[in-house]
Amino acid sequence: MRIIDLRLGLIRAIRQLRREAGLTQVELAKRLGVSQPRVTALESVEHEPTLDALLPAFFTAGGTSAQLCEIVRRTDELLRTSRAANRKN
């Protein structure tokens, strides 16, 4: 599994969970003990946040272990499908 693909799934989930919880970036930042610009960076692919930074944000935004496992499963499935398609070409 490529870490970048997992990070993309987590970034999308954090943004979605935060919005579903009715949290602003400022509110999530306060809960995480970081600045609002840091949360913006966590929600941005361009900043390439690490898993060490993404996982606390994921759980603080309301993510569960089951949701995390689903993100990992879907990421793995997408990569397997992609690899199989590349082998055929």
C-alpha atoms as a PDB file:
ATOM      1  CA  MET A   1       0.000   0.000   0.000  1.00  0.00           C
ATOM      2  CA  ARG A   2       1.290   3.421  -0.867  1.00  0.00           C
ATOM      3  CA  ILE A   3       1.289   5.846   2.050  1.00  0.00           C
ATOM      4  CA  ILE A   4       0.315   8.777  -0.168  1.00  0.00           C
ATOM      5  CA  ASP A   5      -2.922   7.030  -1.152  1.00  0.00           C
ATOM      6  CA  LEU A   6      -3.747   6.367   2.496  1.00  0.00           C
ATOM      7  CA  ARG A   7      -3.009   9.997   3.336  1.00  0.00           C
ATOM      8  CA  LEU A   8      -5.394  11.153   0.602  1.00  0.00           C
ATOM      9  CA  GLY A   9      -8.166   9.027   2.086  1.00  0.00           C
ATOM     10  CA  LEU A  10      -7.514  10.432   5.546  1.00  0.00           C
ATOM     11  CA  ILE A  11      -7.421  14.021   4.295  1.00  0.00           C
ATOM     12  CA  ARG A  12     -10.822  13.597   2.645  1.00  0.00           C
ATOM     13  CA  ALA A  13     -12.231  11.896   5.740  1.00  0.00           C
ATOM     14  CA  ILE A  14     -10.971  14.590   8.123  1.00  0.00           C
ATOM     15  CA  ARG A  15     -12.549  17.345   6.064  1.00  0.00           C
ATOM     16  CA  GLN A  16     -15.835  15.433   5.795  1.00  0.00           C
ATOM     17  CA  LEU A  17     -15.944  14.439   9.474  1.00  0.00           C
ATOM     18  CA  ARG A  18     -15.157  17.971  10.608  1.00  0.00           C
ATOM     19  CA  ARG A  19     -17.947  19.400   8.469  1.00  0.00           C
ATOM     20  CA  GLU A  20     -20.433  16.715   9.534  1.00  0.00           C
ATOM     21  CA  ALA A  21     -19.623  17.477  13.181  1.00  0.00           C
ATOM     22  CA  GLY A  22     -20.265  21.160  12.500  1.00  0.00           C
ATOM     23  CA  LEU A  23     -16.706  22.062  13.458  1.00  0.00           C
ATOM     24  CA  THR A  24     -14.782  24.934  11.948  1.00  0.00           C
ATOM     25  CA  GLN A  25     -11.076  24.625  11.323  1.00  0.00           C
ATOM     26  CA  VAL A  26     -10.543  26.942  14.307  1.00  0.00           C
ATOM     27  CA  GLU A  27     -12.570  24.651  16.585  1.00  0.00           C
ATOM     28  CA  LEU A  28     -10.737  21.542  15.407  1.00  0.00           C
ATOM     29  CA  ALA A  29      -7.426  23.350  15.851  1.00  0.00           C
ATOM     30  CA  LYS A  30      -8.302  24.182  19.468  1.00  0.00           C
ATOM     31  CA  ARG A  31      -9.195  20.549  20.168  1.00  0.00           C
ATOM     32  CA  LEU A  32      -5.921  19.404  18.630  1.00  0.00           C
ATOM     33  CA  GLY A  33      -3.862  22.111  20.338  1.00  0.00           C
ATOM     34  CA  VAL A  34      -2.578  23.475  17.029  1.00  0.00           C
ATOM     35  CA  SER A  35      -3.128  26.601  14.957  1.00  0.00           C
ATOM     36  CA  GLN A  36      -5.891  27.004  12.379  1.00  0.00           C
ATOM     37  CA  PRO A  37      -3.317  27.237   9.554  1.00  0.00           C
ATOM     38  CA  ARG A  38      -2.020  23.835  10.701  1.00  0.00           C
ATOM     39  CA  VAL A  39      -5.509  22.356  10.252  1.00  0.00           C
ATOM     40  CA  THR A  40      -5.673  23.944   6.801  1.00  0.00           C
ATOM     41  CA  ALA A  41      -2.371  22.234   6.002  1.00  0.00           C
ATOM     42  CA  LEU A  42      -3.702  18.906   7.328  1.00  0.00           C
ATOM     43  CA  GLU A  43      -6.678  19.184   4.989  1.00  0.00           C
ATOM     44  CA  SER A  44      -4.475  19.963   1.997  1.00  0.00           C
ATOM     45  CA  VAL A  45      -2.765  17.472  -0.275  1.00  0.00           C
ATOM     46  CA  GLU A  46      -0.259  20.136  -1.284  1.00  0.00           C
ATOM     47  CA  HIS A  47       1.304  20.209   2.190  1.00  0.00           C
ATOM     48  CA  GLU A  48       1.770  16.415   2.274  1.00  0.00           C
ATOM     49  CA  PRO A  49       0.853  15.927   5.949  1.00  0.00           C
ATOM     50  CA  THR A  50       2.290  12.880   7.697  1.00  0.00           C
ATOM     51  CA  LEU A  51       0.253  10.031   9.110  1.00  0.00           C
ATOM     52  CA  ASP A  52       1.475  11.081  12.566  1.00  0.00           C
ATOM     53  CA  ALA A  53      -0.307  14.403  12.057  1.00  0.00           C
ATOM     54  CA  LEU A  54      -3.348  13.065  10.225  1.00  0.00           C
ATOM     55  CA  LEU A  55      -4.381  10.312  12.628  1.00  0.00           C
ATOM     56  CA  PRO A  56      -4.949  12.558  15.679  1.00  0.00           C
ATOM     57  CA  ALA A  57      -6.931  14.971  13.492  1.00  0.00           C
ATOM     58  CA  PHE A  58      -8.996  12.074  12.112  1.00  0.00           C
ATOM     59  CA  PHE A  59      -9.976  10.815  15.554  1.00  0.00           C
ATOM     60  CA  THR A  60     -10.473  14.297  17.005  1.00  0.00           C
ATOM     61  CA  ALA A  61     -12.811  15.149  14.116  1.00  0.00           C
ATOM     62  CA  GLY A  62     -14.909  12.138  15.118  1.00  0.00           C
ATOM     63  CA  GLY A  63     -13.413   9.299  13.107  1.00  0.00           C
ATOM     64  CA  THR A  64     -13.636   5.774  14.483  1.00  0.00           C
ATOM     65  CA  SER A  65     -11.339   2.776  14.271  1.00  0.00           C
ATOM     66  CA  ALA A  66     -13.892   1.070  12.021  1.00  0.00           C
ATOM     67  CA  GLN A  67     -13.842   4.047   9.639  1.00  0.00           C
ATOM     68  CA  LEU A  68     -10.060   4.007   9.605  1.00  0.00           C
ATOM     69  CA  CYS A  69     -10.057   0.300   8.770  1.00  0.00           C
ATOM     70  CA  GLU A  70     -12.496   0.995   5.928  1.00  0.00           C
ATOM     71  CA  ILE A  71     -10.228   3.716   4.523  1.00  0.00           C
ATOM     72  CA  VAL A  72      -7.284   1.302   4.636  1.00  0.00           C
ATOM     73  CA  ARG A  73      -9.358  -1.454   3.012  1.00  0.00           C
ATOM     74  CA  ARG A  74     -10.599   0.810   0.197  1.00  0.00           C
ATOM     75  CA  THR A  75      -7.095   2.165  -0.411  1.00  0.00           C
ATOM     76  CA  ASP A  76      -5.703  -1.345  -0.639  1.00  0.00           C
ATOM     77  CA  GLU A  77      -8.519  -2.416  -2.966  1.00  0.00           C
ATOM     78  CA  LEU A  78      -7.959   0.552  -5.283  1.00  0.00           C
ATOM     79  CA  LEU A  79      -4.254  -0.163  -5.470  1.00  0.00           C
ATOM     80  CA  ARG A  80      -4.800  -3.829  -6.238  1.00  0.00           C
ATOM     81  CA  THR A  81      -7.250  -2.941  -9.004  1.00  0.00           C
ATOM     82  CA  SER A  82      -4.821  -0.397 -10.399  1.00  0.00           C
ATOM     83  CA  ARG A  83      -1.916  -2.864 -10.356  1.00  0.00           C
ATOM     84  CA  ALA A  84      -4.030  -5.533 -12.068  1.00  0.00           C
ATOM     85  CA  ALA A  85      -5.036  -3.075 -14.789  1.00  0.00           C
ATOM     86  CA  ASN A  86      -1.401  -2.059 -15.310  1.00  0.00           C
ATOM     87  CA  ARG A  87      -0.345  -5.694 -15.689  1.00  0.00           C
ATOM     88  CA  LYS A  88      -2.905  -6.180 -18.467  1.00  0.00           C
ATOM     89  CA  ASN A  89      -1.508  -3.225 -20.388  1.00  0.00           C
END
